[in-house]
Amino acid sequence: AIKCCEAAMVWDKENVQAYVVKAESLIAQNKSDEARAMMEDAIEKSISKPELWIECGKVFSRMEMWQDAQKCFNRATDINRDNVEGWYLEANALQRLGQFRDAILVYNQSVSVDPQNVDAWLGRSQTLDELRLYSEAEKSYSKVLDLDPTNKEALLKKGMMLLLLRRNE
């Protein structure tokens, strides 16, 4: 797999799938350091495809390298400001880094690009909950339920927020 990817990259230096498959193959062989170096090499080449930045970020996320992942997702949204997936994944990475206030700003950007994105609303809600902004979290969980009335997590969490806000009825 690695040899095939390397051959593909000779012909097309911006072949997103070649980088991803090679990185995944290296990770499967417990060669995370090599996977990281390969992804950093792709990044250094300043590849202009937002898809590559998203995939690089996903590889870093799988290795729990959240700061590197966040930078990749941020680069994807710099290239394409309407990249909903990039905004959402960057917010998730920021959340994992404990940068909750920054994560909220990025989740807000994600839902402004796609107001129907249930996952982004849910992530936003969870982050508000993490910040103990229960009233805002409750409203955000309500938005999740407007979009997906059967979302069990949002139902439970909204109930918890209402309990914390002493709105027991």
C-alpha atoms as a PDB file:
ATOM      1  CA  ALA A   1       0.000   0.000   0.000  1.00  0.00           C
ATOM      2  CA  ILE A   2       2.794   2.385   0.898  1.00  0.00           C
ATOM      3  CA  LYS A   3       4.662   1.739  -2.343  1.00  0.00           C
ATOM      4  CA  CYS A   4       1.510   2.308  -4.378  1.00  0.00           C
ATOM      5  CA  CYS A   5       0.833   5.579  -2.575  1.00  0.00           C
ATOM      6  CA  GLU A   6       4.389   6.772  -3.086  1.00  0.00           C
ATOM      7  CA  ALA A   7       4.116   6.023  -6.791  1.00  0.00           C
ATOM      8  CA  ALA A   8       0.824   7.911  -6.983  1.00  0.00           C
ATOM      9  CA  MET A   9       2.393  10.898  -5.217  1.00  0.00           C
ATOM     10  CA  VAL A  10       5.195  11.030  -7.790  1.00  0.00           C
ATOM     11  CA  TRP A  11       2.589  11.598 -10.496  1.00  0.00           C
ATOM     12  CA  ASP A  12       0.295  13.819  -8.462  1.00  0.00           C
ATOM     13  CA  LYS A  13       1.796  15.613  -5.464  1.00  0.00           C
ATOM     14  CA  GLU A  14      -1.675  16.801  -4.404  1.00  0.00           C
ATOM     15  CA  ASN A  15      -3.292  13.348  -4.404  1.00  0.00           C
ATOM     16  CA  VAL A  16      -5.220  13.524  -1.144  1.00  0.00           C
ATOM     17  CA  GLN A  17      -6.048   9.822  -0.995  1.00  0.00           C
ATOM     18  CA  ALA A  18      -2.421   8.820  -1.513  1.00  0.00           C
ATOM     19  CA  TYR A  19      -1.343  10.767   1.562  1.00  0.00           C
ATOM     20  CA  VAL A  20      -4.220   9.453   3.637  1.00  0.00           C
ATOM     21  CA  VAL A  21      -3.768   5.807   2.668  1.00  0.00           C
ATOM     22  CA  LYS A  22      -0.013   6.001   3.221  1.00  0.00           C
ATOM     23  CA  ALA A  23      -0.507   7.585   6.650  1.00  0.00           C
ATOM     24  CA  GLU A  24      -3.135   4.985   7.594  1.00  0.00           C
ATOM     25  CA  SER A  25      -0.804   2.202   6.416  1.00  0.00           C
ATOM     26  CA  LEU A  26       2.015   3.580   8.562  1.00  0.00           C
ATOM     27  CA  ILE A  27      -0.281   3.869  11.577  1.00  0.00           C
ATOM     28  CA  ALA A  28      -1.437   0.269  11.033  1.00  0.00           C
ATOM     29  CA  GLN A  29       2.219  -0.759  11.257  1.00  0.00           C
ATOM     30  CA  ASN A  30       2.606   1.172  14.531  1.00  0.00           C
ATOM     31  CA  LYS A  31       4.748   3.762  12.766  1.00  0.00           C
ATOM     32  CA  SER A  32       2.957   6.836  14.065  1.00  0.00           C
ATOM     33  CA  ASP A  33       6.114   8.932  13.976  1.00  0.00           C
ATOM     34  CA  GLU A  34       6.594   8.157  10.290  1.00  0.00           C
ATOM     35  CA  ALA A  35       2.918   8.889   9.609  1.00  0.00           C
ATOM     36  CA  ARG A  36       3.264  12.226  11.340  1.00  0.00           C
ATOM     37  CA  ALA A  37       6.447  13.071   9.430  1.00  0.00           C
ATOM     38  CA  MET A  38       4.766  12.166   6.150  1.00  0.00           C
ATOM     39  CA  MET A  39       1.735  14.337   6.941  1.00  0.00           C
ATOM     40  CA  GLU A  40       4.018  17.194   7.968  1.00  0.00           C
ATOM     41  CA  ASP A  41       5.831  16.791   4.660  1.00  0.00           C
ATOM     42  CA  ALA A  42       2.511  17.117   2.843  1.00  0.00           C
ATOM     43  CA  ILE A  43       1.724  20.209   4.891  1.00  0.00           C
ATOM     44  CA  GLU A  44       5.124  21.778   4.191  1.00  0.00           C
ATOM     45  CA  LYS A  45       4.424  21.523   0.488  1.00  0.00           C
ATOM     46  CA  SER A  46       1.561  23.965   1.132  1.00  0.00           C
ATOM     47  CA  ILE A  47      -0.895  21.842  -0.724  1.00  0.00           C
ATOM     48  CA  SER A  48      -3.859  24.026  -1.547  1.00  0.00           C
ATOM     49  CA  LYS A  49      -6.631  21.435  -1.434  1.00  0.00           C
ATOM     50  CA  PRO A  50      -8.814  21.848   1.646  1.00  0.00           C
ATOM     51  CA  GLU A  51      -9.659  18.125   1.424  1.00  0.00           C
ATOM     52  CA  LEU A  52      -6.023  17.257   2.142  1.00  0.00           C
ATOM     53  CA  TRP A  53      -5.970  19.520   5.178  1.00  0.00           C
ATOM     54  CA  ILE A  54      -9.159  17.866   6.445  1.00  0.00           C
ATOM     55  CA  GLU A  55      -7.695  14.401   5.915  1.00  0.00           C
ATOM     56  CA  CYS A  56      -4.392  15.413   7.534  1.00  0.00           C
ATOM     57  CA  GLY A  57      -6.353  16.659  10.517  1.00  0.00           C
ATOM     58  CA  LYS A  58      -8.286  13.403  10.721  1.00  0.00           C
ATOM     59  CA  VAL A  59      -5.033  11.427  10.720  1.00  0.00           C
ATOM     60  CA  PHE A  60      -3.664  13.614  13.506  1.00  0.00           C
ATOM     61  CA  SER A  61      -6.970  13.201  15.380  1.00  0.00           C
ATOM     62  CA  ARG A  62      -6.688   9.416  15.193  1.00  0.00           C
ATOM     63  CA  MET A  63      -3.225   9.779  16.737  1.00  0.00           C
ATOM     64  CA  GLU A  64      -4.738  12.125  19.361  1.00  0.00           C
ATOM     65  CA  MET A  65      -2.442  14.911  18.220  1.00  0.00           C
ATOM     66  CA  TRP A  66      -5.126  17.533  18.739  1.00  0.00           C
ATOM     67  CA  GLN A  67      -3.012  20.652  18.265  1.00  0.00           C
ATOM     68  CA  ASP A  68      -1.737  19.432  14.892  1.00  0.00           C
ATOM     69  CA  ALA A  69      -5.258  18.366  13.938  1.00  0.00           C
ATOM     70  CA  GLN A  70      -6.666  21.771  14.861  1.00  0.00           C
ATOM     71  CA  LYS A  71      -4.077  23.540  12.734  1.00  0.00           C
ATOM     72  CA  CYS A  72      -4.946  21.378   9.732  1.00  0.00           C
ATOM     73  CA  PHE A  73      -8.678  21.971  10.082  1.00  0.00           C
ATOM     74  CA  ASN A  74      -8.010  25.689  10.488  1.00  0.00           C
ATOM     75  CA  ARG A  75      -5.977  25.696   7.281  1.00  0.00           C
ATOM     76  CA  ALA A  76      -8.863  23.998   5.452  1.00  0.00           C
ATOM     77  CA  THR A  77     -11.250  26.736   6.547  1.00  0.00           C
ATOM     78  CA  ASP A  78      -8.730  29.424   5.605  1.00  0.00           C
ATOM     79  CA  ILE A  79      -8.782  28.038   2.070  1.00  0.00           C
ATOM     80  CA  ASN A  80     -12.562  27.588   1.986  1.00  0.00           C
ATOM     81  CA  ARG A  81     -14.562  29.657   4.496  1.00  0.00           C
ATOM     82  CA  ASP A  82     -17.687  27.599   3.719  1.00  0.00           C
ATOM     83  CA  ASN A  83     -16.044  24.302   4.687  1.00  0.00           C
ATOM     84  CA  VAL A  84     -18.574  23.086   7.259  1.00  0.00           C
ATOM     85  CA  GLU A  85     -16.658  19.909   8.008  1.00  0.00           C
ATOM     86  CA  GLY A  86     -13.467  21.887   8.644  1.00  0.00           C
ATOM     87  CA  TRP A  87     -15.191  24.234  11.090  1.00  0.00           C
ATOM     88  CA  TYR A  88     -16.870  21.358  12.915  1.00  0.00           C
ATOM     89  CA  LEU A  89     -13.720  19.263  13.189  1.00  0.00           C
ATOM     90  CA  GLU A  90     -11.623  22.235  14.266  1.00  0.00           C
ATOM     91  CA  ALA A  91     -14.121  22.956  17.051  1.00  0.00           C
ATOM     92  CA  ASN A  92     -13.933  19.306  18.149  1.00  0.00           C
ATOM     93  CA  ALA A  93     -10.131  19.506  18.271  1.00  0.00           C
ATOM     94  CA  LEU A  94     -10.273  22.716  20.298  1.00  0.00           C
ATOM     95  CA  GLN A  95     -12.702  21.037  22.676  1.00  0.00           C
ATOM     96  CA  ARG A  96     -10.283  18.112  23.098  1.00  0.00           C
ATOM     97  CA  LEU A  97      -7.514  20.630  23.838  1.00  0.00           C
ATOM     98  CA  GLY A  98      -9.674  22.151  26.580  1.00  0.00           C
ATOM     99  CA  GLN A  99      -9.957  25.433  24.684  1.00  0.00           C
ATOM    100  CA  PHE A 100     -13.688  25.608  25.253  1.00  0.00           C
ATOM    101  CA  ARG A 101     -14.271  29.310  24.566  1.00  0.00           C
ATOM    102  CA  ASP A 102     -12.417  29.072  21.255  1.00  0.00           C
ATOM    103  CA  ALA A 103     -14.349  25.902  20.453  1.00  0.00           C
ATOM    104  CA  ILE A 104     -17.646  27.771  20.957  1.00  0.00           C
ATOM    105  CA  LEU A 105     -16.570  30.458  18.488  1.00  0.00           C
ATOM    106  CA  VAL A 106     -15.691  27.828  15.902  1.00  0.00           C
ATOM    107  CA  TYR A 107     -18.894  25.828  16.502  1.00  0.00           C
ATOM    108  CA  ASN A 108     -20.771  29.105  16.006  1.00  0.00           C
ATOM    109  CA  GLN A 109     -19.017  29.539  12.672  1.00  0.00           C
ATOM    110  CA  SER A 110     -19.903  25.977  11.696  1.00  0.00           C
ATOM    111  CA  VAL A 111     -23.607  26.418  12.424  1.00  0.00           C
ATOM    112  CA  SER A 112     -23.642  29.798  10.688  1.00  0.00           C
ATOM    113  CA  VAL A 113     -22.413  28.074   7.513  1.00  0.00           C
ATOM    114  CA  ASP A 114     -24.822  25.148   7.969  1.00  0.00           C
ATOM    115  CA  PRO A 115     -27.625  25.836  10.477  1.00  0.00           C
ATOM    116  CA  GLN A 116     -28.913  22.268  10.004  1.00  0.00           C
ATOM    117  CA  ASN A 117     -25.707  20.584  11.229  1.00  0.00           C
ATOM    118  CA  VAL A 118     -26.940  18.571  14.204  1.00  0.00           C
ATOM    119  CA  ASP A 119     -23.447  17.396  15.140  1.00  0.00           C
ATOM    120  CA  ALA A 120     -22.118  20.950  15.340  1.00  0.00           C
ATOM    121  CA  TRP A 121     -25.086  22.047  17.449  1.00  0.00           C
ATOM    122  CA  LEU A 122     -24.555  19.061  19.744  1.00  0.00           C
ATOM    123  CA  GLY A 123     -20.831  19.791  20.092  1.00  0.00           C
ATOM    124  CA  ARG A 124     -21.645  23.437  20.800  1.00  0.00           C
ATOM    125  CA  SER A 125     -24.157  22.373  23.440  1.00  0.00           C
ATOM    126  CA  GLN A 126     -21.699  20.021  25.138  1.00  0.00           C
ATOM    127  CA  THR A 127     -19.034  22.715  25.188  1.00  0.00           C
ATOM    128  CA  LEU A 128     -21.411  25.254  26.732  1.00  0.00           C
ATOM    129  CA  ASP A 129     -22.254  22.603  29.315  1.00  0.00           C
ATOM    130  CA  GLU A 130     -18.527  22.106  29.958  1.00  0.00           C
ATOM    131  CA  LEU A 131     -18.234  25.865  30.580  1.00  0.00           C
ATOM    132  CA  ARG A 132     -21.198  25.618  32.978  1.00  0.00           C
ATOM    133  CA  LEU A 133     -23.201  28.024  30.851  1.00  0.00           C
ATOM    134  CA  TYR A 134     -26.312  25.999  31.546  1.00  0.00           C
ATOM    135  CA  SER A 135     -28.924  28.419  30.242  1.00  0.00           C
ATOM    136  CA  GLU A 136     -27.112  28.771  26.898  1.00  0.00           C
ATOM    137  CA  ALA A 137     -26.472  25.028  26.795  1.00  0.00           C
ATOM    138  CA  GLU A 138     -30.164  24.307  27.360  1.00  0.00           C
ATOM    139  CA  LYS A 139     -31.097  26.579  24.437  1.00  0.00           C
ATOM    140  CA  SER A 140     -28.474  24.924  22.264  1.00  0.00           C
ATOM    141  CA  TYR A 141     -29.729  21.431  23.170  1.00  0.00           C
ATOM    142  CA  SER A 142     -33.219  22.686  22.246  1.00  0.00           C
ATOM    143  CA  LYS A 143     -31.877  23.570  18.790  1.00  0.00           C
ATOM    144  CA  VAL A 144     -30.487  20.035  18.451  1.00  0.00           C
ATOM    145  CA  LEU A 145     -33.935  18.693  19.328  1.00  0.00           C
ATOM    146  CA  ASP A 146     -35.606  21.023  16.830  1.00  0.00           C
ATOM    147  CA  LEU A 147     -33.431  19.439  14.151  1.00  0.00           C
ATOM    148  CA  ASP A 148     -33.548  15.887  15.526  1.00  0.00           C
ATOM    149  CA  PRO A 149     -36.387  15.322  18.023  1.00  0.00           C
ATOM    150  CA  THR A 150     -35.204  11.771  18.740  1.00  0.00           C
ATOM    151  CA  ASN A 151     -31.636  12.678  19.728  1.00  0.00           C
ATOM    152  CA  LYS A 152     -31.364  10.789  23.013  1.00  0.00           C
ATOM    153  CA  GLU A 153     -28.214  12.541  24.175  1.00  0.00           C
ATOM    154  CA  ALA A 154     -29.715  15.997  23.632  1.00  0.00           C
ATOM    155  CA  LEU A 155     -32.920  14.964  25.424  1.00  0.00           C
ATOM    156  CA  LEU A 156     -31.020  13.731  28.464  1.00  0.00           C
ATOM    157  CA  LYS A 157     -28.612  16.673  28.540  1.00  0.00           C
ATOM    158  CA  LYS A 158     -31.410  19.210  28.118  1.00  0.00           C
ATOM    159  CA  GLY A 159     -33.169  17.581  31.071  1.00  0.00           C
ATOM    160  CA  MET A 160     -29.974  17.860  33.098  1.00  0.00           C
ATOM    161  CA  MET A 161     -29.624  21.544  32.177  1.00  0.00           C
ATOM    162  CA  LEU A 162     -33.237  22.212  33.187  1.00  0.00           C
ATOM    163  CA  LEU A 163     -32.628  20.440  36.503  1.00  0.00           C
ATOM    164  CA  LEU A 164     -29.536  22.576  37.131  1.00  0.00           C
ATOM    165  CA  LEU A 165     -31.548  25.672  36.247  1.00  0.00           C
ATOM    166  CA  ARG A 166     -34.211  24.568  38.770  1.00  0.00           C
ATOM    167  CA  ARG A 167     -36.823  24.254  36.030  1.00  0.00           C
ATOM    168  CA  ASN A 168     -37.947  20.865  37.307  1.00  0.00           C
ATOM    169  CA  GLU A 169     -41.375  20.920  35.737  1.00  0.00           C
END
